[in-house]
Amino acid sequence: MNCFFTDPNWKYCWDGVQVALSGTDIDAQIDRAYLSLQHFKDIENSCPMVALPSDVARSGSEARQAFETVFAAMVSLLERSLQGDKNARRARAQAISALCIGGMVVARAFDDLAHADALWESCLRVAMELGGWQTKTSKSRPGKRA
């Protein structure tokens, strides 16, 4: 269940996608990386939260706790730049995290690339709006894969 959310020494990144954990726009970087073409295509090195939710749900407590740890780390990173009181920030960070994870899971299940692209666009737009971050469309969207 290791990934860049929980392991500071994790070196894997997708070609053309980098997340600078010390950057000022870490939240938007995470959203864009999560919903990138590179993450969409690289199923083998996918974030465990995208690749394993159904398996984890059928697993024991240890697997579910590991999943929760990764999710909590993602929420914590996103929560840093959100406005509002602690409860409001936490709720929005949880919603954004779930939106990014779920959007990637569902987009990967689509055969129609146009539908995958439309879903990605919707998830990214809403995640950026929830975070109050400026929306920038990535050059690499799931439905635009070659």
C-alpha atoms as a PDB file:
ATOM      1  CA  MET A   1       0.000   0.000   0.000  1.00  0.00           C
ATOM      2  CA  ASN A   2       2.990   2.329  -0.317  1.00  0.00           C
ATOM      3  CA  CYS A   3       2.751   5.374  -2.529  1.00  0.00           C
ATOM      4  CA  PHE A   4       3.894   8.979  -2.452  1.00  0.00           C
ATOM      5  CA  PHE A   5       1.241   9.793   0.155  1.00  0.00           C
ATOM      6  CA  THR A   6       2.793   7.526   2.795  1.00  0.00           C
ATOM      7  CA  ASP A   7       6.395   6.873   1.756  1.00  0.00           C
ATOM      8  CA  PRO A   8       8.721   9.885   1.422  1.00  0.00           C
ATOM      9  CA  ASN A   9      11.276   7.674  -0.342  1.00  0.00           C
ATOM     10  CA  TRP A  10       8.830   6.442  -2.968  1.00  0.00           C
ATOM     11  CA  LYS A  11      10.530   7.307  -6.243  1.00  0.00           C
ATOM     12  CA  TYR A  12       8.086   6.097  -8.873  1.00  0.00           C
ATOM     13  CA  CYS A  13       6.375   8.755 -10.929  1.00  0.00           C
ATOM     14  CA  TRP A  14       4.614   8.619 -14.225  1.00  0.00           C
ATOM     15  CA  ASP A  15       6.387  10.099 -17.264  1.00  0.00           C
ATOM     16  CA  GLY A  16       5.542  13.773 -17.493  1.00  0.00           C
ATOM     17  CA  VAL A  17       3.766  13.807 -14.121  1.00  0.00           C
ATOM     18  CA  GLN A  18       5.498  14.973 -10.990  1.00  0.00           C
ATOM     19  CA  VAL A  19       4.165  16.059  -7.648  1.00  0.00           C
ATOM     20  CA  ALA A  20       6.366  18.388  -5.625  1.00  0.00           C
ATOM     21  CA  LEU A  21       5.243  17.749  -2.057  1.00  0.00           C
ATOM     22  CA  SER A  22       6.805  21.044  -1.008  1.00  0.00           C
ATOM     23  CA  GLY A  23       5.042  23.012  -3.751  1.00  0.00           C
ATOM     24  CA  THR A  24       2.492  25.689  -2.997  1.00  0.00           C
ATOM     25  CA  ASP A  25      -0.105  24.103  -5.259  1.00  0.00           C
ATOM     26  CA  ILE A  26       0.303  20.529  -3.978  1.00  0.00           C
ATOM     27  CA  ASP A  27      -3.457  20.048  -3.880  1.00  0.00           C
ATOM     28  CA  ALA A  28      -3.985  20.884  -7.543  1.00  0.00           C
ATOM     29  CA  GLN A  29      -0.880  18.852  -8.469  1.00  0.00           C
ATOM     30  CA  ILE A  30      -2.328  15.800  -6.739  1.00  0.00           C
ATOM     31  CA  ASP A  31      -5.680  16.181  -8.511  1.00  0.00           C
ATOM     32  CA  ARG A  32      -4.032  16.554 -11.907  1.00  0.00           C
ATOM     33  CA  ALA A  33      -1.622  13.653 -11.305  1.00  0.00           C
ATOM     34  CA  TYR A  34      -4.388  11.396 -10.083  1.00  0.00           C
ATOM     35  CA  LEU A  35      -6.543  12.082 -13.102  1.00  0.00           C
ATOM     36  CA  SER A  36      -3.686  12.042 -15.629  1.00  0.00           C
ATOM     37  CA  LEU A  37      -3.352   9.907 -18.723  1.00  0.00           C
ATOM     38  CA  GLN A  38      -0.185   8.414 -17.289  1.00  0.00           C
ATOM     39  CA  HIS A  39      -1.942   7.190 -14.140  1.00  0.00           C
ATOM     40  CA  PHE A  40      -4.887   6.040 -16.236  1.00  0.00           C
ATOM     41  CA  LYS A  41      -2.672   3.879 -18.468  1.00  0.00           C
ATOM     42  CA  ASP A  42      -0.177   2.597 -15.887  1.00  0.00           C
ATOM     43  CA  ILE A  43      -2.390   0.044 -14.193  1.00  0.00           C
ATOM     44  CA  GLU A  44       0.533  -2.008 -12.847  1.00  0.00           C
ATOM     45  CA  ASN A  45       2.015   0.961 -10.942  1.00  0.00           C
ATOM     46  CA  SER A  46      -1.295   2.528 -10.076  1.00  0.00           C
ATOM     47  CA  CYS A  47      -2.055   4.023  -6.710  1.00  0.00           C
ATOM     48  CA  PRO A  48      -3.266   1.190  -4.482  1.00  0.00           C
ATOM     49  CA  MET A  49      -6.412   3.168  -3.695  1.00  0.00           C
ATOM     50  CA  VAL A  50      -7.393   2.933  -7.363  1.00  0.00           C
ATOM     51  CA  ALA A  51      -6.204  -0.592  -7.998  1.00  0.00           C
ATOM     52  CA  LEU A  52      -7.409  -2.391  -4.872  1.00  0.00           C
ATOM     53  CA  PRO A  53     -10.632  -1.014  -3.340  1.00  0.00           C
ATOM     54  CA  SER A  54     -12.812  -4.056  -4.070  1.00  0.00           C
ATOM     55  CA  ASP A  55     -10.114  -6.472  -2.922  1.00  0.00           C
ATOM     56  CA  VAL A  56      -9.487  -4.457   0.240  1.00  0.00           C
ATOM     57  CA  ALA A  57     -13.207  -4.367   1.031  1.00  0.00           C
ATOM     58  CA  ARG A  58     -13.236  -8.190   0.957  1.00  0.00           C
ATOM     59  CA  SER A  59     -10.039  -8.449   3.000  1.00  0.00           C
ATOM     60  CA  GLY A  60      -9.332  -8.457   6.676  1.00  0.00           C
ATOM     61  CA  SER A  61      -8.747  -5.638   9.081  1.00  0.00           C
ATOM     62  CA  GLU A  62      -5.036  -5.280   8.323  1.00  0.00           C
ATOM     63  CA  ALA A  63      -5.621  -4.538   4.627  1.00  0.00           C
ATOM     64  CA  ARG A  64      -8.450  -2.118   5.423  1.00  0.00           C
ATOM     65  CA  GLN A  65      -6.300  -0.303   7.970  1.00  0.00           C
ATOM     66  CA  ALA A  66      -3.483   0.039   5.416  1.00  0.00           C
ATOM     67  CA  PHE A  67      -5.962   1.420   2.883  1.00  0.00           C
ATOM     68  CA  GLU A  68      -7.305   3.889   5.442  1.00  0.00           C
ATOM     69  CA  THR A  69      -3.764   5.026   6.225  1.00  0.00           C
ATOM     70  CA  VAL A  70      -3.085   5.855   2.581  1.00  0.00           C
ATOM     71  CA  PHE A  71      -6.451   7.587   2.217  1.00  0.00           C
ATOM     72  CA  ALA A  72      -5.858   9.606   5.403  1.00  0.00           C
ATOM     73  CA  ALA A  73      -2.440  10.690   4.091  1.00  0.00           C
ATOM     74  CA  MET A  74      -4.016  11.885   0.835  1.00  0.00           C
ATOM     75  CA  VAL A  75      -6.720  13.765   2.743  1.00  0.00           C
ATOM     76  CA  SER A  76      -4.124  15.354   5.002  1.00  0.00           C
ATOM     77  CA  LEU A  77      -2.095  16.634   2.043  1.00  0.00           C
ATOM     78  CA  LEU A  78      -5.168  18.060   0.331  1.00  0.00           C
ATOM     79  CA  GLU A  79      -6.480  19.615   3.527  1.00  0.00           C
ATOM     80  CA  ARG A  80      -3.404  21.849   3.938  1.00  0.00           C
ATOM     81  CA  SER A  81      -4.449  24.624   1.586  1.00  0.00           C
ATOM     82  CA  LEU A  82      -8.210  24.503   2.005  1.00  0.00           C
ATOM     83  CA  GLN A  83     -10.074  27.374   3.629  1.00  0.00           C
ATOM     84  CA  GLY A  84     -12.544  27.155   6.491  1.00  0.00           C
ATOM     85  CA  ASP A  85     -12.632  25.515   9.870  1.00  0.00           C
ATOM     86  CA  LYS A  86     -11.003  22.149  10.478  1.00  0.00           C
ATOM     87  CA  ASN A  87     -14.210  20.127   9.989  1.00  0.00           C
ATOM     88  CA  ALA A  88     -15.079  21.881   6.722  1.00  0.00           C
ATOM     89  CA  ARG A  89     -11.531  21.445   5.381  1.00  0.00           C
ATOM     90  CA  ARG A  90     -11.519  17.769   6.327  1.00  0.00           C
ATOM     91  CA  ALA A  91     -14.912  17.131   4.712  1.00  0.00           C
ATOM     92  CA  ARG A  92     -13.879  18.790   1.437  1.00  0.00           C
ATOM     93  CA  ALA A  93     -10.504  16.996   1.395  1.00  0.00           C
ATOM     94  CA  GLN A  94     -12.261  13.658   1.908  1.00  0.00           C
ATOM     95  CA  ALA A  95     -14.732  14.413  -0.885  1.00  0.00           C
ATOM     96  CA  ILE A  96     -11.961  15.488  -3.276  1.00  0.00           C
ATOM     97  CA  SER A  97      -9.944  12.370  -2.481  1.00  0.00           C
ATOM     98  CA  ALA A  98     -12.921  10.091  -3.061  1.00  0.00           C
ATOM     99  CA  LEU A  99     -13.770  11.930  -6.276  1.00  0.00           C
ATOM    100  CA  CYS A 100     -10.247  11.479  -7.655  1.00  0.00           C
ATOM    101  CA  ILE A 101     -10.035   7.815  -6.663  1.00  0.00           C
ATOM    102  CA  GLY A 102     -13.535   6.932  -7.804  1.00  0.00           C
ATOM    103  CA  GLY A 103     -13.197   8.900 -11.023  1.00  0.00           C
ATOM    104  CA  MET A 104     -10.107   6.927 -11.985  1.00  0.00           C
ATOM    105  CA  VAL A 105     -11.660   3.587 -11.016  1.00  0.00           C
ATOM    106  CA  VAL A 106     -14.792   4.215 -13.090  1.00  0.00           C
ATOM    107  CA  ALA A 107     -12.939   5.768 -16.064  1.00  0.00           C
ATOM    108  CA  ARG A 108     -10.720   2.686 -16.304  1.00  0.00           C
ATOM    109  CA  ALA A 109     -13.813   0.501 -16.482  1.00  0.00           C
ATOM    110  CA  PHE A 110     -15.187   2.327 -19.546  1.00  0.00           C
ATOM    111  CA  ASP A 111     -14.608   0.939 -23.018  1.00  0.00           C
ATOM    112  CA  ASP A 112     -15.720   4.187 -24.667  1.00  0.00           C
ATOM    113  CA  LEU A 113     -12.815   6.623 -24.457  1.00  0.00           C
ATOM    114  CA  ALA A 114     -15.073   9.619 -25.008  1.00  0.00           C
ATOM    115  CA  HIS A 115     -17.038   8.665 -21.880  1.00  0.00           C
ATOM    116  CA  ALA A 116     -13.803   8.167 -19.923  1.00  0.00           C
ATOM    117  CA  ASP A 117     -12.646  11.611 -21.073  1.00  0.00           C
ATOM    118  CA  ALA A 118     -15.928  13.279 -20.116  1.00  0.00           C
ATOM    119  CA  LEU A 119     -15.819  11.631 -16.693  1.00  0.00           C
ATOM    120  CA  TRP A 120     -12.226  12.755 -16.128  1.00  0.00           C
ATOM    121  CA  GLU A 121     -13.090  16.332 -17.125  1.00  0.00           C
ATOM    122  CA  SER A 122     -16.046  16.361 -14.748  1.00  0.00           C
ATOM    123  CA  CYS A 123     -14.109  14.891 -11.826  1.00  0.00           C
ATOM    124  CA  LEU A 124     -11.172  17.253 -12.242  1.00  0.00           C
ATOM    125  CA  ARG A 125     -13.397  20.325 -12.626  1.00  0.00           C
ATOM    126  CA  VAL A 126     -15.471  19.509  -9.561  1.00  0.00           C
ATOM    127  CA  ALA A 127     -12.404  18.559  -7.475  1.00  0.00           C
ATOM    128  CA  MET A 128     -10.719  21.853  -8.357  1.00  0.00           C
ATOM    129  CA  GLU A 129     -13.909  23.781  -7.565  1.00  0.00           C
ATOM    130  CA  LEU A 130     -14.296  22.012  -4.212  1.00  0.00           C
ATOM    131  CA  GLY A 131     -10.735  22.908  -3.364  1.00  0.00           C
ATOM    132  CA  GLY A 132     -11.033  26.484  -4.535  1.00  0.00           C
ATOM    133  CA  TRP A 133      -8.081  25.960  -6.860  1.00  0.00           C
ATOM    134  CA  GLN A 134      -7.743  27.433 -10.301  1.00  0.00           C
ATOM    135  CA  THR A 135      -8.818  24.917 -12.904  1.00  0.00           C
ATOM    136  CA  LYS A 136      -6.217  24.055 -15.502  1.00  0.00           C
ATOM    137  CA  THR A 137      -6.965  21.351 -17.994  1.00  0.00           C
ATOM    138  CA  SER A 138      -4.188  18.833 -18.390  1.00  0.00           C
ATOM    139  CA  LYS A 139      -2.723  18.045 -21.793  1.00  0.00           C
ATOM    140  CA  SER A 140      -3.217  14.342 -21.094  1.00  0.00           C
ATOM    141  CA  ARG A 141      -6.685  13.194 -20.332  1.00  0.00           C
ATOM    142  CA  PRO A 142      -7.781   9.529 -20.060  1.00  0.00           C
ATOM    143  CA  GLY A 143     -10.020   9.599 -23.125  1.00  0.00           C
ATOM    144  CA  LYS A 144      -7.256  11.166 -25.196  1.00  0.00           C
ATOM    145  CA  ARG A 145      -5.010   8.121 -24.980  1.00  0.00           C
ATOM    146  CA  ALA A 146      -3.428   6.882 -28.171  1.00  0.00           C
END
